[in-house]
C-alpha atoms as a PDB file:
ATOM      1  CA  MET A   1     -10.920  -6.359  19.501  1.00  0.00           C
ATOM      2  CA  HIS A   2     -14.566  -5.769  19.382  1.00  0.00           C
ATOM      3  CA  GLU A   3     -16.487  -6.905  16.587  1.00  0.00           C
ATOM      4  CA  ARG A   4     -17.640  -3.415  15.491  1.00  0.00           C
ATOM      5  CA  THR A   5     -14.154  -2.484  15.311  1.00  0.00           C
ATOM      6  CA  LEU A   6     -12.754  -5.436  13.411  1.00  0.00           C
ATOM      7  CA  LEU A   7     -15.463  -5.046  10.739  1.00  0.00           C
ATOM      8  CA  ILE A   8     -15.085  -1.170   9.976  1.00  0.00           C
ATOM      9  CA  GLY A   9     -10.924  -1.606  10.434  1.00  0.00           C
ATOM     10  CA  SER A  10     -11.648  -4.368   7.780  1.00  0.00           C
ATOM     11  CA  ILE A  11     -14.131  -2.022   5.081  1.00  0.00           C
ATOM     12  CA  THR A  12     -11.411   0.723   5.908  1.00  0.00           C
ATOM     13  CA  VAL A  13      -8.325  -1.602   4.643  1.00  0.00           C
ATOM     14  CA  VAL A  14     -10.249  -2.723   1.408  1.00  0.00           C
ATOM     15  CA  GLY A  15     -10.894   0.792   0.591  1.00  0.00           C
ATOM     16  CA  ALA A  16      -7.215   1.571   0.513  1.00  0.00           C
ATOM     17  CA  ALA A  17      -6.737  -1.644  -1.320  1.00  0.00           C
ATOM     18  CA  VAL A  18      -9.093  -0.371  -4.095  1.00  0.00           C
ATOM     19  CA  GLY A  19      -7.491   3.316  -4.043  1.00  0.00           C
ATOM     20  CA  PHE A  20      -4.089   1.879  -4.089  1.00  0.00           C
ATOM     21  CA  ALA A  21      -5.471  -0.613  -7.202  1.00  0.00           C
ATOM     22  CA  MET A  22      -5.817   2.271  -9.429  1.00  0.00           C
ATOM     23  CA  LEU A  23      -2.033   2.830  -9.414  1.00  0.00           C
ATOM     24  CA  GLY A  24      -1.680   0.454 -12.532  1.00  0.00           C
ATOM     25  CA  PRO A  25      -4.448   1.971 -15.122  1.00  0.00           C
ATOM     26  CA  LEU A  26      -3.354   5.433 -13.987  1.00  0.00           C
ATOM     27  CA  ALA A  27       0.617   4.982 -14.633  1.00  0.00           C
ATOM     28  CA  ARG A  28      -0.563   3.704 -17.726  1.00  0.00           C
ATOM     29  CA  PHE A  29      -2.547   6.868 -18.524  1.00  0.00           C
ATOM     30  CA  ALA A  30       0.590   8.801 -17.184  1.00  0.00           C
ATOM     31  CA  TYR A  31       3.270   6.954 -19.310  1.00  0.00           C
ATOM     32  CA  GLU A  32       1.023   7.551 -22.513  1.00  0.00           C
ATOM     33  CA  ALA A  33       0.862  11.292 -21.602  1.00  0.00           C
ATOM     34  CA  GLY A  34       4.548  11.679 -21.406  1.00  0.00           C
ATOM     35  CA  LEU A  35       5.625  10.871 -17.482  1.00  0.00           C
ATOM     36  CA  GLU A  36       8.246   8.963 -16.461  1.00  0.00           C
ATOM     37  CA  PRO A  37       8.174   6.408 -13.415  1.00  0.00           C
ATOM     38  CA  PHE A  38       9.977   8.588 -11.236  1.00  0.00           C
ATOM     39  CA  SER A  39       8.373  11.504 -12.509  1.00  0.00           C
ATOM     40  CA  PHE A  40       4.918  10.059 -11.883  1.00  0.00           C
ATOM     41  CA  VAL A  41       5.572   8.952  -8.258  1.00  0.00           C
ATOM     42  CA  ALA A  42       7.030  12.276  -7.367  1.00  0.00           C
ATOM     43  CA  TRP A  43       3.900  14.034  -8.371  1.00  0.00           C
ATOM     44  CA  ARG A  44       1.519  11.239  -6.930  1.00  0.00           C
ATOM     45  CA  ALA A  45       3.315  11.800  -3.651  1.00  0.00           C
ATOM     46  CA  ALA A  46       2.913  15.356  -4.102  1.00  0.00           C
ATOM     47  CA  PHE A  47      -0.552  15.785  -4.477  1.00  0.00           C
ATOM     48  CA  GLY A  48      -0.887  13.063  -2.018  1.00  0.00           C
ATOM     49  CA  THR A  49       0.962  14.995   0.269  1.00  0.00           C
ATOM     50  CA  LEU A  50      -1.191  17.975  -0.120  1.00  0.00           C
ATOM     51  CA  VAL A  51      -4.328  16.429   0.351  1.00  0.00           C
ATOM     52  CA  VAL A  52      -3.203  14.744   3.593  1.00  0.00           C
ATOM     53  CA  ALA A  53      -1.580  18.050   4.992  1.00  0.00           C
ATOM     54  CA  ALA A  54      -5.098  19.783   4.142  1.00  0.00           C
ATOM     55  CA  TYR A  55      -6.803  16.904   6.087  1.00  0.00           C
ATOM     56  CA  ALA A  56      -4.004  17.011   9.124  1.00  0.00           C
ATOM     57  CA  ALA A  57      -4.625  21.046   9.133  1.00  0.00           C
ATOM     58  CA  TRP A  58      -8.495  20.454   9.454  1.00  0.00           C
ATOM     59  CA  ARG A  59      -8.028  17.973  12.228  1.00  0.00           C
ATOM     60  CA  ILE A  60      -5.606  20.526  14.084  1.00  0.00           C
ATOM     61  CA  SER A  61      -8.287  23.095  13.224  1.00  0.00           C
ATOM     62  CA  ARG A  62     -10.384  20.924  15.605  1.00  0.00           C
ATOM     63  CA  GLY A  63      -8.226  20.506  18.590  1.00  0.00           C
ATOM     64  CA  ARG A  64      -5.882  17.524  17.218  1.00  0.00           C
ATOM     65  CA  ARG A  65      -2.393  18.591  18.593  1.00  0.00           C
ATOM     66  CA  PHE A  66       0.384  18.592  16.117  1.00  0.00           C
ATOM     67  CA  VAL A  67       2.971  16.436  17.133  1.00  0.00           C
ATOM     68  CA  ALA A  68       6.414  17.226  15.614  1.00  0.00           C
ATOM     69  CA  PRO A  69       8.737  14.382  14.701  1.00  0.00           C
ATOM     70  CA  TRP A  70      11.978  16.174  15.734  1.00  0.00           C
ATOM     71  CA  ARG A  71      10.245  15.629  19.402  1.00  0.00           C
ATOM     72  CA  LEU A  72       9.181  12.484  19.730  1.00  0.00           C
ATOM     73  CA  PRO A  73      11.195  10.152  21.827  1.00  0.00           C
ATOM     74  CA  ARG A  74      14.093   8.615  20.028  1.00  0.00           C
ATOM     75  CA  HIS A  75      12.391   4.919  19.380  1.00  0.00           C
ATOM     76  CA  GLN A  76       9.399   6.396  17.730  1.00  0.00           C
ATOM     77  CA  ALA A  77      11.252   8.908  15.643  1.00  0.00           C
ATOM     78  CA  LEU A  78      13.488   6.281  14.683  1.00  0.00           C
ATOM     79  CA  MET A  79      10.557   4.111  13.381  1.00  0.00           C
ATOM     80  CA  LEU A  80       8.926   6.784  11.724  1.00  0.00           C
ATOM     81  CA  ALA A  81      12.317   7.367   9.839  1.00  0.00           C
ATOM     82  CA  ILE A  82      12.520   3.513   9.002  1.00  0.00           C
ATOM     83  CA  ALA A  83       8.571   3.872   7.754  1.00  0.00           C
ATOM     84  CA  ALA A  84       9.662   6.929   5.602  1.00  0.00           C
ATOM     85  CA  ALA A  85      12.630   4.818   3.962  1.00  0.00           C
ATOM     86  CA  THR A  86      10.749   1.666   3.834  1.00  0.00           C
ATOM     87  CA  GLY A  87       8.675   3.547   1.334  1.00  0.00           C
ATOM     88  CA  ILE A  88      10.993   4.917  -0.678  1.00  0.00           C
ATOM     89  CA  VAL A  89      12.967   1.710  -1.006  1.00  0.00           C
ATOM     90  CA  LEU A  90       9.430   0.004  -2.093  1.00  0.00           C
ATOM     91  CA  ASN A  91       8.783   2.730  -5.104  1.00  0.00           C
ATOM     92  CA  VAL A  92      12.356   2.541  -6.428  1.00  0.00           C
ATOM     93  CA  ALA A  93      12.683  -1.419  -6.261  1.00  0.00           C
ATOM     94  CA  THR A  94       9.148  -1.660  -7.529  1.00  0.00           C
ATOM     95  CA  PHE A  95       9.498   0.414 -10.805  1.00  0.00           C
ATOM     96  CA  ILE A  96      12.979  -0.894 -11.539  1.00  0.00           C
ATOM     97  CA  ALA A  97      11.757  -4.301 -11.040  1.00  0.00           C
ATOM     98  CA  PHE A  98       9.264  -3.324 -13.757  1.00  0.00           C
ATOM     99  CA  GLY A  99      11.635  -2.349 -16.029  1.00  0.00           C
ATOM    100  CA  ARG A 100      13.505  -5.809 -15.941  1.00  0.00           C
ATOM    101  CA  THR A 101      10.971  -8.262 -15.651  1.00  0.00           C
ATOM    102  CA  THR A 102       7.714  -9.466 -16.619  1.00  0.00           C
ATOM    103  CA  ILE A 103       4.929  -7.269 -14.218  1.00  0.00           C
ATOM    104  CA  ALA A 104       3.180  -9.947 -13.050  1.00  0.00           C
ATOM    105  CA  LEU A 105       6.245 -11.834 -12.033  1.00  0.00           C
ATOM    106  CA  VAL A 106       7.078  -8.862  -9.819  1.00  0.00           C
ATOM    107  CA  LEU A 107       3.346  -8.528  -8.318  1.00  0.00           C
ATOM    108  CA  LEU A 108       3.674 -12.201  -7.712  1.00  0.00           C
ATOM    109  CA  GLY A 109       6.775 -11.381  -5.835  1.00  0.00           C
ATOM    110  CA  PHE A 110       5.544  -8.275  -3.830  1.00  0.00           C
ATOM    111  CA  TYR A 111       2.131  -9.986  -2.817  1.00  0.00           C
ATOM    112  CA  THR A 112       4.058 -12.123  -0.741  1.00  0.00           C
ATOM    113  CA  TYR A 113       4.145  -9.853   1.806  1.00  0.00           C
ATOM    114  CA  PRO A 114       1.142 -10.666   3.526  1.00  0.00           C
ATOM    115  CA  ALA A 115       2.706 -13.809   4.454  1.00  0.00           C
ATOM    116  CA  PHE A 116       5.932 -12.352   5.771  1.00  0.00           C
ATOM    117  CA  VAL A 117       3.981 -10.121   7.834  1.00  0.00           C
ATOM    118  CA  ALA A 118       1.896 -12.957   9.669  1.00  0.00           C
ATOM    119  CA  ILE A 119       5.423 -15.080  10.149  1.00  0.00           C
ATOM    120  CA  VAL A 120       6.839 -11.652  12.025  1.00  0.00           C
ATOM    121  CA  ALA A 121       3.774 -10.960  13.793  1.00  0.00           C
ATOM    122  CA  VAL A 122       3.913 -14.820  15.437  1.00  0.00           C
ATOM    123  CA  ALA A 123       7.784 -14.407  15.532  1.00  0.00           C
ATOM    124  CA  ARG A 124       7.639 -11.724  17.761  1.00  0.00           C
ATOM    125  CA  GLY A 125       4.245 -12.850  19.907  1.00  0.00           C
ATOM    126  CA  HIS A 126       2.356  -9.974  18.708  1.00  0.00           C
ATOM    127  CA  GLU A 127      -0.318 -11.762  17.143  1.00  0.00           C
ATOM    128  CA  ALA A 128      -1.973 -15.045  17.525  1.00  0.00           C
ATOM    129  CA  LEU A 129      -2.137 -17.192  13.847  1.00  0.00           C
ATOM    130  CA  ASP A 130      -5.141 -19.353  14.806  1.00  0.00           C
ATOM    131  CA  ALA A 131      -6.494 -21.932  12.336  1.00  0.00           C
ATOM    132  CA  VAL A 132      -9.298 -19.371  10.777  1.00  0.00           C
ATOM    133  CA  ARG A 133      -6.947 -16.625  10.213  1.00  0.00           C
ATOM    134  CA  ALA A 134      -3.917 -19.230   8.790  1.00  0.00           C
ATOM    135  CA  SER A 135      -6.674 -20.858   6.417  1.00  0.00           C
ATOM    136  CA  ALA A 136      -7.693 -17.045   5.284  1.00  0.00           C
ATOM    137  CA  LEU A 137      -3.932 -16.257   4.407  1.00  0.00           C
ATOM    138  CA  ILE A 138      -3.319 -19.688   2.332  1.00  0.00           C
ATOM    139  CA  VAL A 139      -6.955 -19.208   0.479  1.00  0.00           C
ATOM    140  CA  SER A 140      -5.733 -15.492  -0.190  1.00  0.00           C
ATOM    141  CA  LEU A 141      -2.523 -15.945  -1.184  1.00  0.00           C
ATOM    142  CA  GLY A 142      -3.936 -18.844  -3.724  1.00  0.00           C
ATOM    143  CA  GLY A 143      -6.423 -16.130  -4.935  1.00  0.00           C
ATOM    144  CA  MET A 144      -3.870 -13.525  -5.599  1.00  0.00           C
ATOM    145  CA  VAL A 145      -1.539 -16.172  -7.659  1.00  0.00           C
ATOM    146  CA  LEU A 146      -4.868 -17.114  -9.819  1.00  0.00           C
ATOM    147  CA  VAL A 147      -5.383 -13.222 -10.216  1.00  0.00           C
ATOM    148  CA  VAL A 148      -1.650 -11.958 -11.112  1.00  0.00           C
ATOM    149  CA  ALA A 149      -1.072 -14.941 -13.160  1.00  0.00           C
ATOM    150  CA  GLY A 150      -4.353 -15.390 -14.845  1.00  0.00           C
ATOM    151  CA  GLY A 151      -3.171 -12.109 -16.504  1.00  0.00           C
ATOM    152  CA  LEU A 152      -0.229 -13.173 -18.249  1.00  0.00           C
ATOM    153  CA  ASP A 153      -0.352 -13.514 -21.991  1.00  0.00           C
ATOM    154  CA  PRO A 154       0.758 -17.243 -22.708  1.00  0.00           C
ATOM    155  CA  SER A 155       2.222 -16.258 -26.038  1.00  0.00           C
ATOM    156  CA  GLY A 156       4.109 -13.571 -24.974  1.00  0.00           C
ATOM    157  CA  PRO A 157       7.711 -13.383 -23.584  1.00  0.00           C
ATOM    158  CA  LEU A 158       8.238 -14.459 -20.020  1.00  0.00           C
ATOM    159  CA  ARG A 159      11.446 -12.658 -18.706  1.00  0.00           C
ATOM    160  CA  ALA A 160      12.196 -13.649 -15.645  1.00  0.00           C
ATOM    161  CA  ASP A 161      15.257 -11.608 -14.478  1.00  0.00           C
ATOM    162  CA  ALA A 162      17.114 -12.591 -11.249  1.00  0.00           C
ATOM    163  CA  LEU A 163      17.553  -9.008 -10.250  1.00  0.00           C
ATOM    164  CA  GLY A 164      13.611  -8.054 -10.960  1.00  0.00           C
ATOM    165  CA  ILE A 165      12.364 -10.838  -9.054  1.00  0.00           C
ATOM    166  CA  GLY A 166      14.988  -9.934  -6.180  1.00  0.00           C
ATOM    167  CA  LEU A 167      13.636  -6.672  -6.376  1.00  0.00           C
ATOM    168  CA  ALA A 168      10.216  -7.371  -6.211  1.00  0.00           C
ATOM    169  CA  LEU A 169      10.982  -9.384  -3.043  1.00  0.00           C
ATOM    170  CA  LEU A 170      12.756  -6.427  -1.513  1.00  0.00           C
ATOM    171  CA  ALA A 171       9.737  -4.388  -2.255  1.00  0.00           C
ATOM    172  CA  ALA A 172       7.745  -7.445  -0.475  1.00  0.00           C
ATOM    173  CA  LEU A 173      10.266  -7.082   2.833  1.00  0.00           C
ATOM    174  CA  SER A 174       9.634  -3.434   2.804  1.00  0.00           C
ATOM    175  CA  GLN A 175       6.247  -3.463   2.923  1.00  0.00           C
ATOM    176  CA  THR A 176       6.746  -6.081   5.381  1.00  0.00           C
ATOM    177  CA  VAL A 177       8.609  -3.801   7.702  1.00  0.00           C
ATOM    178  CA  PHE A 178       6.255  -0.855   7.127  1.00  0.00           C
ATOM    179  CA  VAL A 179       2.840  -2.996   7.850  1.00  0.00           C
ATOM    180  CA  THR A 180       4.952  -4.508  11.409  1.00  0.00           C
ATOM    181  CA  ILE A 181       6.110  -1.259  12.838  1.00  0.00           C
ATOM    182  CA  SER A 182       3.289   1.246  11.886  1.00  0.00           C
ATOM    183  CA  ARG A 183       0.768  -0.435  14.089  1.00  0.00           C
ATOM    184  CA  HIS A 184       2.518   0.800  17.721  1.00  0.00           C
ATOM    185  CA  GLY A 185       6.109   1.789  16.205  1.00  0.00           C
ATOM    186  CA  PHE A 186       4.954   5.848  16.020  1.00  0.00           C
ATOM    187  CA  SER A 187       1.845   5.467  17.851  1.00  0.00           C
ATOM    188  CA  ALA A 188       2.050   9.005  19.455  1.00  0.00           C
ATOM    189  CA  VAL A 189       1.992  10.709  15.552  1.00  0.00           C
ATOM    190  CA  PRO A 190      -1.542  10.871  14.692  1.00  0.00           C
ATOM    191  CA  THR A 191      -2.640   8.836  11.375  1.00  0.00           C
ATOM    192  CA  GLU A 192      -2.730  11.608   8.968  1.00  0.00           C
ATOM    193  CA  GLN A 193       0.220  13.412  10.337  1.00  0.00           C
ATOM    194  CA  ALA A 194       2.248  10.338  10.094  1.00  0.00           C
ATOM    195  CA  MET A 195       1.275   9.838   6.041  1.00  0.00           C
ATOM    196  CA  GLY A 196       1.703  13.524   5.134  1.00  0.00           C
ATOM    197  CA  TRP A 197       5.536  13.266   6.404  1.00  0.00           C
ATOM    198  CA  LEU A 198       5.664   9.751   4.720  1.00  0.00           C
ATOM    199  CA  LEU A 199       4.336  10.670   1.678  1.00  0.00           C
ATOM    200  CA  GLY A 200       6.199  14.256   1.934  1.00  0.00           C
ATOM    201  CA  SER A 201       9.376  11.998   1.786  1.00  0.00           C
ATOM    202  CA  ALA A 202       8.721  10.193  -0.894  1.00  0.00           C
ATOM    203  CA  MET A 203       7.866  12.986  -3.242  1.00  0.00           C
ATOM    204  CA  VAL A 204      11.309  14.719  -2.395  1.00  0.00           C
ATOM    205  CA  VAL A 205      13.473  11.603  -3.042  1.00  0.00           C
ATOM    206  CA  SER A 206      11.492  10.533  -5.958  1.00  0.00           C
ATOM    207  CA  ALA A 207      11.986  13.980  -7.465  1.00  0.00           C
ATOM    208  CA  ILE A 208      15.734  14.142  -6.947  1.00  0.00           C
ATOM    209  CA  VAL A 209      16.045  10.620  -8.338  1.00  0.00           C
ATOM    210  CA  ALA A 210      13.995  12.096 -11.603  1.00  0.00           C
ATOM    211  CA  LEU A 211      15.912  15.171 -11.671  1.00  0.00           C
ATOM    212  CA  ALA A 212      19.309  12.813 -10.944  1.00  0.00           C
ATOM    213  CA  SER A 213      18.524  10.354 -13.994  1.00  0.00           C
ATOM    214  CA  GLY A 214      18.151  13.478 -16.799  1.00  0.00           C
ATOM    215  CA  SER A 215      13.843  13.594 -16.324  1.00  0.00           C
ATOM    216  CA  THR A 216      13.518  17.632 -15.623  1.00  0.00           C
ATOM    217  CA  ALA A 217      11.587  17.871 -18.785  1.00  0.00           C
ATOM    218  CA  GLN A 218       9.081  14.939 -17.755  1.00  0.00           C
ATOM    219  CA  LEU A 219       9.177  16.331 -14.008  1.00  0.00           C
ATOM    220  CA  ALA A 220       8.057  19.646 -14.996  1.00  0.00           C
ATOM    221  CA  LEU A 221       5.433  18.092 -17.782  1.00  0.00           C
ATOM    222  CA  PRO A 222       2.030  18.630 -15.710  1.00  0.00           C
ATOM    223  CA  VAL A 223       2.951  22.179 -15.786  1.00  0.00           C
ATOM    224  CA  ARG A 224       2.654  22.363 -19.157  1.00  0.00           C
ATOM    225  CA  SER A 225       0.188  19.442 -19.975  1.00  0.00           C
ATOM    226  CA  ALA A 226      -3.611  19.640 -18.730  1.00  0.00           C
ATOM    227  CA  ASP A 227      -3.654  16.122 -18.927  1.00  0.00           C
ATOM    228  CA  ALA A 228      -0.624  14.902 -17.150  1.00  0.00           C
ATOM    229  CA  LEU A 229      -1.559  17.620 -14.464  1.00  0.00           C
ATOM    230  CA  LEU A 230      -5.119  15.699 -14.304  1.00  0.00           C
ATOM    231  CA  ILE A 231      -3.396  12.461 -14.067  1.00  0.00           C
ATOM    232  CA  ALA A 232      -1.225  13.287 -11.392  1.00  0.00           C
ATOM    233  CA  VAL A 233      -4.033  14.992  -8.998  1.00  0.00           C
ATOM    234  CA  VAL A 234      -6.276  11.863  -9.848  1.00  0.00           C
ATOM    235  CA  SER A 235      -3.353   9.387  -8.884  1.00  0.00           C
ATOM    236  CA  GLY A 236      -2.130  11.723  -6.003  1.00  0.00           C
ATOM    237  CA  VAL A 237      -5.619  12.309  -4.131  1.00  0.00           C
ATOM    238  CA  LEU A 238      -7.471   9.134  -4.845  1.00  0.00           C
ATOM    239  CA  GLY A 239      -4.662   6.901  -5.422  1.00  0.00           C
ATOM    240  CA  ALA A 240      -2.362   7.945  -2.992  1.00  0.00           C
ATOM    241  CA  GLY A 241      -3.396  10.374  -0.233  1.00  0.00           C
ATOM    242  CA  ILE A 242      -7.086   8.788   0.708  1.00  0.00           C
ATOM    243  CA  PRO A 243      -5.967   5.245   0.682  1.00  0.00           C
ATOM    244  CA  SER A 244      -2.648   6.342   2.702  1.00  0.00           C
ATOM    245  CA  ILE A 245      -4.651   7.313   5.632  1.00  0.00           C
ATOM    246  CA  LEU A 246      -6.990   4.472   5.316  1.00  0.00           C
ATOM    247  CA  PHE A 247      -4.152   1.936   5.280  1.00  0.00           C
ATOM    248  CA  LEU A 248      -2.211   2.887   8.326  1.00  0.00           C
ATOM    249  CA  THR A 249      -5.585   3.546  10.291  1.00  0.00           C
ATOM    250  CA  GLY A 250      -6.432   0.125   9.389  1.00  0.00           C
ATOM    251  CA  ILE A 251      -3.339  -1.247  10.417  1.00  0.00           C
ATOM    252  CA  ARG A 252      -3.488   0.508  13.769  1.00  0.00           C
ATOM    253  CA  ALA A 253      -7.328  -0.693  14.154  1.00  0.00           C
ATOM    254  CA  ILE A 254      -7.241  -4.481  13.274  1.00  0.00           C
ATOM    255  CA  GLY A 255      -3.355  -5.352  12.824  1.00  0.00           C
ATOM    256  CA  GLY A 256      -0.754  -6.390  10.554  1.00  0.00           C
ATOM    257  CA  THR A 257      -1.702  -9.819   9.748  1.00  0.00           C
ATOM    258  CA  ARG A 258      -5.373  -9.156   9.295  1.00  0.00           C
ATOM    259  CA  THR A 259      -4.489  -5.719   7.141  1.00  0.00           C
ATOM    260  CA  GLY A 260      -1.946  -7.736   4.879  1.00  0.00           C
ATOM    261  CA  ILE A 261      -4.534 -10.446   4.055  1.00  0.00           C
ATOM    262  CA  LEU A 262      -7.269  -8.044   2.979  1.00  0.00           C
ATOM    263  CA  MET A 263      -4.899  -5.724   0.845  1.00  0.00           C
ATOM    264  CA  LEU A 264      -4.855  -8.414  -1.480  1.00  0.00           C
ATOM    265  CA  PHE A 265      -8.082  -7.329  -2.543  1.00  0.00           C
ATOM    266  CA  GLU A 266      -5.545  -4.631  -4.552  1.00  0.00           C
ATOM    267  CA  PRO A 267      -4.817  -6.865  -7.197  1.00  0.00           C
ATOM    268  CA  VAL A 268      -8.342  -7.851  -7.721  1.00  0.00           C
ATOM    269  CA  GLY A 269      -9.120  -3.881  -7.783  1.00  0.00           C
ATOM    270  CA  GLY A 270      -6.470  -3.376 -10.021  1.00  0.00           C
ATOM    271  CA  VAL A 271      -7.838  -5.928 -12.704  1.00  0.00           C
ATOM    272  CA  LEU A 272     -11.456  -4.657 -12.440  1.00  0.00           C
ATOM    273  CA  LEU A 273     -10.515  -1.379 -13.200  1.00  0.00           C
ATOM    274  CA  ALA A 274      -8.119  -2.397 -16.354  1.00  0.00           C
ATOM    275  CA  ALA A 275     -11.130  -4.152 -17.138  1.00  0.00           C
ATOM    276  CA  THR A 276     -13.349  -1.085 -17.169  1.00  0.00           C
ATOM    277  CA  LEU A 277     -10.898   1.792 -17.725  1.00  0.00           C
ATOM    278  CA  LEU A 278      -8.274  -0.026 -20.504  1.00  0.00           C
ATOM    279  CA  ASP A 279     -11.048  -2.678 -21.952  1.00  0.00           C
ATOM    280  CA  GLU A 280      -8.573  -5.540 -20.961  1.00  0.00           C
ATOM    281  CA  ARG A 281     -11.000  -9.003 -20.358  1.00  0.00           C
ATOM    282  CA  ILE A 282     -11.137 -10.759 -17.128  1.00  0.00           C
ATOM    283  CA  GLN A 283     -10.132 -14.413 -17.436  1.00  0.00           C
ATOM    284  CA  PRO A 284     -12.456 -16.952 -15.447  1.00  0.00           C
ATOM    285  CA  ILE A 285      -9.222 -18.102 -13.524  1.00  0.00           C
ATOM    286  CA  GLN A 286      -9.059 -14.526 -11.850  1.00  0.00           C
ATOM    287  CA  ALA A 287     -12.678 -14.311 -11.122  1.00  0.00           C
ATOM    288  CA  LEU A 288     -12.256 -17.724  -9.451  1.00  0.00           C
ATOM    289  CA  GLY A 289      -8.750 -16.127  -8.027  1.00  0.00           C
ATOM    290  CA  GLY A 290     -10.951 -13.138  -7.073  1.00  0.00           C
ATOM    291  CA  ALA A 291     -13.696 -14.964  -5.463  1.00  0.00           C
ATOM    292  CA  ALA A 292     -11.044 -16.802  -3.328  1.00  0.00           C
ATOM    293  CA  ILE A 293     -10.135 -13.528  -2.027  1.00  0.00           C
ATOM    294  CA  LEU A 294     -13.474 -12.478  -0.766  1.00  0.00           C
ATOM    295  CA  GLY A 295     -14.225 -16.008   0.855  1.00  0.00           C
ATOM    296  CA  ALA A 296     -10.857 -15.337   2.737  1.00  0.00           C
ATOM    297  CA  ALA A 297     -12.228 -11.628   3.692  1.00  0.00           C
ATOM    298  CA  VAL A 298     -15.289 -13.405   4.938  1.00  0.00           C
ATOM    299  CA  LEU A 299     -13.407 -16.152   6.680  1.00  0.00           C
ATOM    300  CA  LEU A 300     -11.196 -13.551   8.590  1.00  0.00           C
ATOM    301  CA  GLN A 301     -14.428 -11.856  10.340  1.00  0.00           C
ATOM    302  CA  ARG A 302     -14.674 -15.016  12.282  1.00  0.00           C
ATOM    303  CA  SER A 303     -11.228 -15.494  13.556  1.00  0.00           C
ATOM    304  CA  ARG A 304     -11.386 -14.831  17.118  1.00  0.00           C
ATOM    305  CA  PRO A 305     -10.079 -11.570  18.679  1.00  0.00           C
ATOM    306  CA  ASP A 306      -6.166 -11.399  19.521  1.00  0.00           C
ATOM    307  CA  PRO A 307      -5.689 -11.487  23.065  1.00  0.00           C
ATOM    308  CA  VAL A 308      -2.034 -10.551  22.609  1.00  0.00           C
ATOM    309  CA  ALA A 309      -2.901  -7.351  20.482  1.00  0.00           C
ATOM    310  CA  GLN A 310      -5.832  -6.589  23.110  1.00  0.00           C
ATOM    311  CA  ALA A 311      -2.964  -7.049  26.083  1.00  0.00           C
ATOM    312  CA  GLY A 312      -0.756  -4.746  24.126  1.00  0.00           C
ATOM    313  CA  PRO A 313      -0.454  -0.696  24.062  1.00  0.00           C
ATOM    314  CA  ARG A 314      -3.525   1.019  23.829  1.00  0.00           C
ATOM    315  CA  VAL A 315      -4.603   1.812  20.350  1.00  0.00           C
ATOM    316  CA  ALA A 316      -6.102   5.414  20.218  1.00  0.00           C
ATOM    317  CA  THR A 317     -10.078   5.173  19.311  1.00  0.00           C
ATOM    318  CA  GLY A 318     -11.237   6.809  16.123  1.00  0.00           C
ATOM    319  CA  ALA A 319     -12.187   9.791  17.726  1.00  0.00           C
ATOM    320  CA  GLU A 320      -8.804  10.087  19.160  1.00  0.00           C
ATOM    321  CA  ARG A 321      -7.350   9.460  15.544  1.00  0.00           C
END
């Protein structure tokens, strides 16, 4: 892996993390505007799908080949279907967990997935976990704990619901599967086209769940409310569509382990956005955690290229994606 590819891929993943970090503050605004969780997810995925589809159409107009999922080899079609399913399970599990236990506990459970990704990658022989990369993983996970746990209100109740924590871990496993299979599992599908199908699947399922749960009025709210519509557009474009493309691009460029570690910038971005948009104070321990994650990212750039990944299937270049 060339140093320039590693650097650009790392910056791409951090950009994805910052985009996904918008979910927390935007979800708060969405709920205040009257949207319910699954209605919000459906609209977010809808506008995310639109922006990704528009980008995919532009790429196709410039010579990109359209790859129909139903014409893929059976294995790649199965991997794409599994990726779509993991995205749906992640969203459902996370939002149910948020309703059952303290949000910080859900985040602590979910953000264990970089460790799971590294374990799976090493076990399958796809990536090597050298000393530098292992150190970056440990430091970044420690920083994540400080960032998330630092936001706990010591005077508030701590709801440690077993099912809620279990769902958070299920979301982590779902993300692990997605990151693991996304590098080569459906590599015949260009990045933006793959994310269009994945976001579209999440939109349809979330809308069905919202309707089945009796949230028809909330699902139609953005049609009647300019505030709800604006939140849906911003969350879909900046918090779903663009970061989703960056996320998959990063996975395909630098691999799952590096991507998982760098995605721990997401809780840091969430804390910074909450401080900016919601006037929430950043605790010193959270600043220390953020510094640890930043240090892990710098350390990660010093890890040696992965010979296993280099010997594997060829990954499309930036011009081909």
